Structure formats: C-alpha cells, structure tokens
C-alpha cells in the first residue's frame, strides 16, 4: 500500500517527505484554507516535494464548472490529480475529465454502490473516509473491504484510497483490507513512528556503545575514509 500525506501545509510535507516514504499527497479546500499564502503556490510546492500524485479539489457543484476548474488545476503541475466530490455532477465531470486524459480522485465515497459508479465513470482513485464512517457508528473496515471486494472481480483499474485516517491502526486496517493507497494526516504519520520498545532499544544500543569510546573513534575514522574514497571516485 502506498502512503500519501493529507495536508495543505508545505511545512508538514517538507518534514515527512524527507523520510522517503511518501508516494503522493492529497489536499482539500478545508486544509488549504487553514494555511497562509497562495493556495496555488502551496499545491505546486507540495507537488515538487512528493514528486507523485497530488490531489487538488474542485469547489463547484456544476459539472461543466467542475471540468473547467479541474482543467485549470491541472495546469499547476503534471502531478495534479483532480479531486471531485461524489454526486451526479461529479460523475459527469469525472467522465469528461478522464476522457481528456486527466486523472481524477473521486472523494466522499461511503459505499460499494458509490464506488462502482465512480469506477464506471473512470475515476483513477476512489476515496473512502474511514474516520467519518466510524463517526456514524459504522465499521469503516467492513465498508472498505466491501468496496475492494466489489471492484476487484470486475477488473477495474480504479484504486481504492483510504482517507480520514484518525490513528495508526487505521493505516494497518486499510492495508489489510486491500487498499492501494492511504492518505494520512501529519499527526497520524508521526504516530506511526512510535513504539516504546524502539525507543528503549535505541537508548540501550547507545549506552552500550558509549562504554567503549575506542569504538567511536574507529567508526569516525571509517566515515572519514569512506568520504575520501567517495570524493576520489
């Protein structure tokens, strides 16, 4: 399962992209509205950082205007995926955009029926919001599994994208359900790093190494030697 970051913050993307784990990003009007500055510049910078699919969302409810906005957003970067909210107008806009060669992320999909319609319209990604499903006291994992099970036998190329992840376990559950992508908020990505045994293990290794100062001297010399060889080549 590929990992995207769900944010409108360039600063957050800069930090997480440095880990080398991001394959793309998603934004939406709400996330971008939280940030200062020009949203177009933020989207372009995020595209440059992740060097992968980056969803930018239309805001119109009219199909023709959705298409116009989608085409305009695509001029920001080759990595832009047009994000379209699910609706009759959204389906029509998705069909037209994809026929023109523009990738589409159909968002706010909450059932297998909606996913089937999105796939038939040509959506590249179909986004199901796990957190919002759970908020309705419905099992989001079961919904994701139903979507995946409905799409795969038909051989559709649409990719299921788990969104609205509230905790690290959501990412694991999405992977087990068969989602191709999860888009994850900054806080949740940071939470995925944490485990007390990792922290205590690092501290133990450092303490043991420091008991032998000659080992540190040896490693420093090895680093210098490797740097000299690398520079010469």
C-alpha atoms as a PDB file:
ATOM      1  CA  UNK A   1       0.000   0.000   0.000  1.00  0.00           C
ATOM      2  CA  UNK A   2       1.372   3.393  -0.984  1.00  0.00           C
ATOM      3  CA  UNK A   3       1.332   6.259   1.515  1.00  0.00           C
ATOM      4  CA  UNK A   4       0.170   9.790   0.725  1.00  0.00           C
ATOM      5  CA  UNK A   5       0.090  12.722   3.126  1.00  0.00           C
ATOM      6  CA  UNK A   6      -3.219  14.524   3.652  1.00  0.00           C
ATOM      7  CA  UNK A   7      -2.479  18.190   4.313  1.00  0.00           C
ATOM      8  CA  UNK A   8      -2.386  21.714   2.956  1.00  0.00           C
ATOM      9  CA  UNK A   9       0.809  22.548   4.844  1.00  0.00           C
ATOM     10  CA  UNK A  10       4.043  22.773   2.884  1.00  0.00           C
ATOM     11  CA  UNK A  11       5.992  22.618   6.153  1.00  0.00           C
ATOM     12  CA  UNK A  12       4.424  19.286   7.077  1.00  0.00           C
ATOM     13  CA  UNK A  13       5.155  17.854   3.636  1.00  0.00           C
ATOM     14  CA  UNK A  14       8.765  19.027   3.803  1.00  0.00           C
ATOM     15  CA  UNK A  15       9.289  17.137   7.066  1.00  0.00           C
ATOM     16  CA  UNK A  16       7.586  13.878   6.080  1.00  0.00           C
ATOM     17  CA  UNK A  17       8.928  13.828   2.513  1.00  0.00           C
ATOM     18  CA  UNK A  18      12.445  13.761   3.980  1.00  0.00           C
ATOM     19  CA  UNK A  19      11.658  10.308   5.422  1.00  0.00           C
ATOM     20  CA  UNK A  20      11.470   8.898   1.900  1.00  0.00           C
ATOM     21  CA  UNK A  21       8.109   7.177   2.446  1.00  0.00           C
ATOM     22  CA  UNK A  22       5.651   9.386   0.532  1.00  0.00           C
ATOM     23  CA  UNK A  23       4.290   8.454  -2.873  1.00  0.00           C
ATOM     24  CA  UNK A  24       1.868  11.369  -3.165  1.00  0.00           C
ATOM     25  CA  UNK A  25      -0.379  13.827  -1.364  1.00  0.00           C
ATOM     26  CA  UNK A  26      -3.970  14.951  -1.044  1.00  0.00           C
ATOM     27  CA  UNK A  27      -5.302  18.393  -0.280  1.00  0.00           C
ATOM     28  CA  UNK A  28      -8.810  19.792   0.014  1.00  0.00           C
ATOM     29  CA  UNK A  29     -10.346  23.265   0.335  1.00  0.00           C
ATOM     30  CA  UNK A  30     -10.604  22.997   4.137  1.00  0.00           C
ATOM     31  CA  UNK A  31      -6.952  22.026   4.584  1.00  0.00           C
ATOM     32  CA  UNK A  32      -5.708  24.746   2.226  1.00  0.00           C
ATOM     33  CA  UNK A  33      -7.890  27.384   3.898  1.00  0.00           C
ATOM     34  CA  UNK A  34      -6.052  26.768   7.200  1.00  0.00           C
ATOM     35  CA  UNK A  35      -2.748  27.895   5.683  1.00  0.00           C
ATOM     36  CA  UNK A  36      -1.445  31.375   4.910  1.00  0.00           C
ATOM     37  CA  UNK A  37      -0.429  32.395   1.392  1.00  0.00           C
ATOM     38  CA  UNK A  38      -1.461  31.499  -2.126  1.00  0.00           C
ATOM     39  CA  UNK A  39      -3.074  28.034  -2.376  1.00  0.00           C
ATOM     40  CA  UNK A  40      -1.761  27.506  -5.885  1.00  0.00           C
ATOM     41  CA  UNK A  41       1.818  28.049  -4.787  1.00  0.00           C
ATOM     42  CA  UNK A  42       1.311  25.675  -1.863  1.00  0.00           C
ATOM     43  CA  UNK A  43      -0.058  22.971  -4.162  1.00  0.00           C
ATOM     44  CA  UNK A  44       2.833  23.392  -6.599  1.00  0.00           C
ATOM     45  CA  UNK A  45       5.376  23.168  -3.786  1.00  0.00           C
ATOM     46  CA  UNK A  46       3.727  20.017  -2.424  1.00  0.00           C
ATOM     47  CA  UNK A  47       3.875  18.501  -5.915  1.00  0.00           C
ATOM     48  CA  UNK A  48       7.579  19.309  -6.137  1.00  0.00           C
ATOM     49  CA  UNK A  49       8.242  17.730  -2.752  1.00  0.00           C
ATOM     50  CA  UNK A  50       6.364  14.446  -3.192  1.00  0.00           C
ATOM     51  CA  UNK A  51       7.031  14.058  -6.936  1.00  0.00           C
ATOM     52  CA  UNK A  52       3.866  11.999  -7.187  1.00  0.00           C
ATOM     53  CA  UNK A  53       0.081  12.226  -7.500  1.00  0.00           C
ATOM     54  CA  UNK A  54      -1.230  15.269  -5.634  1.00  0.00           C
ATOM     55  CA  UNK A  55      -4.975  15.783  -5.369  1.00  0.00           C
ATOM     56  CA  UNK A  56      -6.360  19.306  -5.721  1.00  0.00           C
ATOM     57  CA  UNK A  57     -10.121  19.674  -5.367  1.00  0.00           C
ATOM     58  CA  UNK A  58     -12.749  21.492  -7.401  1.00  0.00           C
ATOM     59  CA  UNK A  59     -15.306  23.533  -5.456  1.00  0.00           C
ATOM     60  CA  UNK A  60     -18.175  23.957  -7.921  1.00  0.00           C
ATOM     61  CA  UNK A  61     -21.313  21.793  -7.811  1.00  0.00           C
ATOM     62  CA  UNK A  62     -21.962  22.219 -11.530  1.00  0.00           C
ATOM     63  CA  UNK A  63     -20.487  19.573 -13.834  1.00  0.00           C
ATOM     64  CA  UNK A  64     -19.286  21.978 -16.529  1.00  0.00           C
ATOM     65  CA  UNK A  65     -17.656  24.248 -13.971  1.00  0.00           C
ATOM     66  CA  UNK A  66     -16.075  21.248 -12.248  1.00  0.00           C
ATOM     67  CA  UNK A  67     -14.472  20.329 -15.562  1.00  0.00           C
ATOM     68  CA  UNK A  68     -13.259  23.897 -16.087  1.00  0.00           C
ATOM     69  CA  UNK A  69     -11.796  24.055 -12.584  1.00  0.00           C
ATOM     70  CA  UNK A  70     -10.219  20.633 -12.994  1.00  0.00           C
ATOM     71  CA  UNK A  71      -8.519  21.606 -16.236  1.00  0.00           C
ATOM     72  CA  UNK A  72      -7.252  24.800 -14.598  1.00  0.00           C
ATOM     73  CA  UNK A  73      -5.875  22.925 -11.583  1.00  0.00           C
ATOM     74  CA  UNK A  74      -4.050  20.563 -13.912  1.00  0.00           C
ATOM     75  CA  UNK A  75      -2.003  23.496 -15.231  1.00  0.00           C
ATOM     76  CA  UNK A  76      -0.323  23.832 -11.811  1.00  0.00           C
ATOM     77  CA  UNK A  77       1.745  20.657 -12.155  1.00  0.00           C
ATOM     78  CA  UNK A  78       1.963  17.422 -14.104  1.00  0.00           C
ATOM     79  CA  UNK A  79       1.406  15.638 -10.779  1.00  0.00           C
ATOM     80  CA  UNK A  80      -2.044  17.111 -10.167  1.00  0.00           C
ATOM     81  CA  UNK A  81      -4.960  14.713  -9.746  1.00  0.00           C
ATOM     82  CA  UNK A  82      -8.319  16.463  -9.966  1.00  0.00           C
ATOM     83  CA  UNK A  83     -10.328  15.768  -6.827  1.00  0.00           C
ATOM     84  CA  UNK A  84     -14.082  15.666  -7.427  1.00  0.00           C
ATOM     85  CA  UNK A  85     -16.786  15.130  -4.773  1.00  0.00           C
ATOM     86  CA  UNK A  86     -19.183  12.268  -5.448  1.00  0.00           C
ATOM     87  CA  UNK A  87     -22.507  13.365  -6.940  1.00  0.00           C
ATOM     88  CA  UNK A  88     -24.326  13.100 -10.273  1.00  0.00           C
ATOM     89  CA  UNK A  89     -22.444  16.208 -11.403  1.00  0.00           C
ATOM     90  CA  UNK A  90     -19.214  14.746 -10.071  1.00  0.00           C
ATOM     91  CA  UNK A  91     -19.715  11.561 -12.063  1.00  0.00           C
ATOM     92  CA  UNK A  92     -20.383  13.521 -15.256  1.00  0.00           C
ATOM     93  CA  UNK A  93     -17.341  15.722 -14.670  1.00  0.00           C
ATOM     94  CA  UNK A  94     -15.183  12.683 -13.949  1.00  0.00           C
ATOM     95  CA  UNK A  95     -16.187  11.047 -17.198  1.00  0.00           C
ATOM     96  CA  UNK A  96     -15.326  14.162 -19.219  1.00  0.00           C
ATOM     97  CA  UNK A  97     -12.057  14.827 -17.415  1.00  0.00           C
ATOM     98  CA  UNK A  98     -10.842  11.250 -17.729  1.00  0.00           C
ATOM     99  CA  UNK A  99     -11.775  11.125 -21.395  1.00  0.00           C
ATOM    100  CA  UNK A 100      -9.481  14.131 -21.828  1.00  0.00           C
ATOM    101  CA  UNK A 101      -6.683  12.246 -20.057  1.00  0.00           C
ATOM    102  CA  UNK A 102      -6.912  13.950 -16.651  1.00  0.00           C
ATOM    103  CA  UNK A 103      -6.659  11.655 -13.586  1.00  0.00           C
ATOM    104  CA  UNK A 104      -9.494  12.032 -11.086  1.00  0.00           C
ATOM    105  CA  UNK A 105      -9.801  11.278  -7.380  1.00  0.00           C
ATOM    106  CA  UNK A 106     -13.482  10.739  -6.600  1.00  0.00           C
ATOM    107  CA  UNK A 107     -13.863  11.752  -2.980  1.00  0.00           C
ATOM    108  CA  UNK A 108     -16.551  11.366  -0.304  1.00  0.00           C
ATOM    109  CA  UNK A 109     -17.399   7.812  -1.329  1.00  0.00           C
ATOM    110  CA  UNK A 110     -19.000   5.858   1.502  1.00  0.00           C
ATOM    111  CA  UNK A 111     -20.458   2.719  -0.050  1.00  0.00           C
ATOM    112  CA  UNK A 112     -19.709  -0.004  -2.578  1.00  0.00           C
ATOM    113  CA  UNK A 113     -22.565   1.274  -4.745  1.00  0.00           C
ATOM    114  CA  UNK A 114     -20.969   4.716  -4.950  1.00  0.00           C
ATOM    115  CA  UNK A 115     -17.592   3.118  -5.635  1.00  0.00           C
ATOM    116  CA  UNK A 116     -18.983   1.090  -8.539  1.00  0.00           C
ATOM    117  CA  UNK A 117     -20.433   4.241 -10.096  1.00  0.00           C
ATOM    118  CA  UNK A 118     -17.140   6.103  -9.574  1.00  0.00           C
ATOM    119  CA  UNK A 119     -15.162   3.333 -11.235  1.00  0.00           C
ATOM    120  CA  UNK A 120     -17.532   3.225 -14.191  1.00  0.00           C
ATOM    121  CA  UNK A 121     -17.114   6.995 -14.622  1.00  0.00           C
ATOM    122  CA  UNK A 122     -13.366   6.409 -14.911  1.00  0.00           C
ATOM    123  CA  UNK A 123     -12.017   7.595 -11.551  1.00  0.00           C
ATOM    124  CA  UNK A 124      -8.337   6.845 -11.018  1.00  0.00           C
ATOM    125  CA  UNK A 125      -8.745   6.911  -7.231  1.00  0.00           C
ATOM    126  CA  UNK A 126     -11.851   6.293  -5.122  1.00  0.00           C
ATOM    127  CA  UNK A 127     -11.583   7.844  -1.661  1.00  0.00           C
ATOM    128  CA  UNK A 128     -13.447   6.394   1.312  1.00  0.00           C
ATOM    129  CA  UNK A 129     -13.273   8.327   4.578  1.00  0.00           C
ATOM    130  CA  UNK A 130     -12.677   5.872   7.411  1.00  0.00           C
ATOM    131  CA  UNK A 131     -12.993   8.330  10.285  1.00  0.00           C
ATOM    132  CA  UNK A 132     -16.273   9.766   9.076  1.00  0.00           C
ATOM    133  CA  UNK A 133     -17.738   6.288   8.623  1.00  0.00           C
ATOM    134  CA  UNK A 134     -16.698   5.361  12.172  1.00  0.00           C
ATOM    135  CA  UNK A 135     -18.315   8.587  13.413  1.00  0.00           C
ATOM    136  CA  UNK A 136     -21.650   7.154  12.247  1.00  0.00           C
ATOM    137  CA  UNK A 137     -21.060   4.008  14.360  1.00  0.00           C
ATOM    138  CA  UNK A 138     -20.494   2.013  11.170  1.00  0.00           C
ATOM    139  CA  UNK A 139     -17.468  -0.286  10.785  1.00  0.00           C
ATOM    140  CA  UNK A 140     -15.193   1.546   8.353  1.00  0.00           C
ATOM    141  CA  UNK A 141     -13.042  -1.540   7.785  1.00  0.00           C
ATOM    142  CA  UNK A 142     -16.088  -3.522   6.685  1.00  0.00           C
ATOM    143  CA  UNK A 143     -17.041  -0.716   4.278  1.00  0.00           C
ATOM    144  CA  UNK A 144     -13.531  -0.641   2.785  1.00  0.00           C
ATOM    145  CA  UNK A 145     -13.494  -4.405   2.393  1.00  0.00           C
ATOM    146  CA  UNK A 146     -16.878  -4.307   0.661  1.00  0.00           C
ATOM    147  CA  UNK A 147     -15.630  -1.644  -1.765  1.00  0.00           C
ATOM    148  CA  UNK A 148     -12.462  -3.600  -2.556  1.00  0.00           C
ATOM    149  CA  UNK A 149     -14.414  -6.852  -2.955  1.00  0.00           C
ATOM    150  CA  UNK A 150     -16.938  -5.184  -5.264  1.00  0.00           C
ATOM    151  CA  UNK A 151     -14.328  -3.606  -7.542  1.00  0.00           C
ATOM    152  CA  UNK A 152     -11.662  -6.281  -7.864  1.00  0.00           C
ATOM    153  CA  UNK A 153     -13.666  -9.115  -9.523  1.00  0.00           C
ATOM    154  CA  UNK A 154     -14.665  -6.698 -12.273  1.00  0.00           C
ATOM    155  CA  UNK A 155     -11.020  -5.972 -13.039  1.00  0.00           C
ATOM    156  CA  UNK A 156     -11.413  -2.218 -12.634  1.00  0.00           C
ATOM    157  CA  UNK A 157      -8.246  -0.135 -12.652  1.00  0.00           C
ATOM    158  CA  UNK A 158      -9.617   2.344 -10.114  1.00  0.00           C
ATOM    159  CA  UNK A 159      -7.541   2.390  -6.928  1.00  0.00           C
ATOM    160  CA  UNK A 160      -9.188   2.404  -3.504  1.00  0.00           C
ATOM    161  CA  UNK A 161      -7.807   5.232  -1.381  1.00  0.00           C
ATOM    162  CA  UNK A 162      -8.411   5.157   2.376  1.00  0.00           C
ATOM    163  CA  UNK A 163      -8.822   8.689   3.745  1.00  0.00           C
ATOM    164  CA  UNK A 164      -9.742  10.375   7.028  1.00  0.00           C
ATOM    165  CA  UNK A 165      -7.365   8.146   8.986  1.00  0.00           C
ATOM    166  CA  UNK A 166      -7.607   9.045  12.650  1.00  0.00           C
ATOM    167  CA  UNK A 167      -4.922   6.773  14.106  1.00  0.00           C
ATOM    168  CA  UNK A 168      -2.051   4.483  13.025  1.00  0.00           C
ATOM    169  CA  UNK A 169      -4.250   1.372  13.279  1.00  0.00           C
ATOM    170  CA  UNK A 170      -6.450   2.779  10.518  1.00  0.00           C
ATOM    171  CA  UNK A 171      -3.443   2.568   8.174  1.00  0.00           C
ATOM    172  CA  UNK A 172      -2.853  -1.068   9.073  1.00  0.00           C
ATOM    173  CA  UNK A 173      -6.542  -1.876   8.637  1.00  0.00           C
ATOM    174  CA  UNK A 174      -6.629  -0.166   5.237  1.00  0.00           C
ATOM    175  CA  UNK A 175      -3.614  -2.180   4.089  1.00  0.00           C
ATOM    176  CA  UNK A 176      -5.181  -5.441   5.264  1.00  0.00           C
ATOM    177  CA  UNK A 177      -8.434  -4.530   3.507  1.00  0.00           C
ATOM    178  CA  UNK A 178      -6.574  -4.326   0.198  1.00  0.00           C
ATOM    179  CA  UNK A 179      -6.479  -0.575  -0.374  1.00  0.00           C
ATOM    180  CA  UNK A 180      -3.868   0.536  -2.890  1.00  0.00           C
ATOM    181  CA  UNK A 181      -3.346   3.884  -1.153  1.00  0.00           C
ATOM    182  CA  UNK A 182      -3.860   5.532   2.228  1.00  0.00           C
ATOM    183  CA  UNK A 183      -3.681   9.286   2.622  1.00  0.00           C
ATOM    184  CA  UNK A 184      -2.614  10.072   6.161  1.00  0.00           C
ATOM    185  CA  UNK A 185      -2.581  13.286   8.226  1.00  0.00           C
ATOM    186  CA  UNK A 186       0.707  14.580   9.597  1.00  0.00           C
ATOM    187  CA  UNK A 187      -0.110  13.682  13.227  1.00  0.00           C
ATOM    188  CA  UNK A 188      -1.003  10.117  12.329  1.00  0.00           C
ATOM    189  CA  UNK A 189       2.175   9.679  10.264  1.00  0.00           C
ATOM    190  CA  UNK A 190       4.186  10.892  13.250  1.00  0.00           C
ATOM    191  CA  UNK A 191       2.290   8.455  15.452  1.00  0.00           C
ATOM    192  CA  UNK A 192       3.244   5.578  13.163  1.00  0.00           C
ATOM    193  CA  UNK A 193       6.887   6.118  14.207  1.00  0.00           C
ATOM    194  CA  UNK A 194       6.318   5.496  17.868  1.00  0.00           C
ATOM    195  CA  UNK A 195       6.854   2.320  19.861  1.00  0.00           C
ATOM    196  CA  UNK A 196       8.308   2.153  23.388  1.00  0.00           C
ATOM    197  CA  UNK A 197      10.487  -0.845  22.538  1.00  0.00           C
ATOM    198  CA  UNK A 198      12.065   1.064  19.642  1.00  0.00           C
ATOM    199  CA  UNK A 199      12.910   3.969  21.945  1.00  0.00           C
ATOM    200  CA  UNK A 200      14.304   1.773  24.707  1.00  0.00           C
ATOM    201  CA  UNK A 201      16.263  -0.317  22.199  1.00  0.00           C
ATOM    202  CA  UNK A 202      17.995   2.727  20.721  1.00  0.00           C
ATOM    203  CA  UNK A 203      18.837   4.012  24.185  1.00  0.00           C
ATOM    204  CA  UNK A 204      20.325   0.630  25.117  1.00  0.00           C
ATOM    205  CA  UNK A 205      22.478   0.444  21.979  1.00  0.00           C
ATOM    206  CA  UNK A 206      23.784   3.993  22.559  1.00  0.00           C
ATOM    207  CA  UNK A 207      24.593   3.280  26.206  1.00  0.00           C
ATOM    208  CA  UNK A 208      26.487   0.089  25.348  1.00  0.00           C
ATOM    209  CA  UNK A 209      28.459   1.807  22.575  1.00  0.00           C
ATOM    210  CA  UNK A 210      29.468   4.674  24.837  1.00  0.00           C
ATOM    211  CA  UNK A 211      31.078   2.190  27.228  1.00  0.00           C
ATOM    212  CA  UNK A 212      33.729   1.563  24.543  1.00  0.00           C
ATOM    213  CA  UNK A 213      34.997   5.008  23.423  1.00  0.00           C
ATOM    214  CA  UNK A 214      37.570   3.378  21.134  1.00  0.00           C
ATOM    215  CA  UNK A 215      34.671   2.056  19.038  1.00  0.00           C
ATOM    216  CA  UNK A 216      33.505   5.629  18.409  1.00  0.00           C
ATOM    217  CA  UNK A 217      36.999   6.580  17.295  1.00  0.00           C
ATOM    218  CA  UNK A 218      37.086   3.573  14.947  1.00  0.00           C
ATOM    219  CA  UNK A 219      33.729   4.482  13.349  1.00  0.00           C
ATOM    220  CA  UNK A 220      34.704   8.137  12.909  1.00  0.00           C
ATOM    221  CA  UNK A 221      37.853   7.016  11.092  1.00  0.00           C
ATOM    222  CA  UNK A 222      35.842   4.675   8.902  1.00  0.00           C
ATOM    223  CA  UNK A 223      33.498   7.518   7.976  1.00  0.00           C
ATOM    224  CA  UNK A 224      36.426   9.754   7.032  1.00  0.00           C
ATOM    225  CA  UNK A 225      37.998   7.005   4.955  1.00  0.00           C
ATOM    226  CA  UNK A 226      34.754   6.294   3.129  1.00  0.00           C
ATOM    227  CA  UNK A 227      34.295  10.013   2.435  1.00  0.00           C
ATOM    228  CA  UNK A 228      37.795  10.247   0.988  1.00  0.00           C
ATOM    229  CA  UNK A 229      37.216   7.257  -1.288  1.00  0.00           C
ATOM    230  CA  UNK A 230      33.872   8.641  -2.381  1.00  0.00           C
ATOM    231  CA  UNK A 231      35.339  12.043  -3.187  1.00  0.00           C
ATOM    232  CA  UNK A 232      38.157  10.475  -5.200  1.00  0.00           C
ATOM    233  CA  UNK A 233      35.792   8.420  -7.306  1.00  0.00           C
END
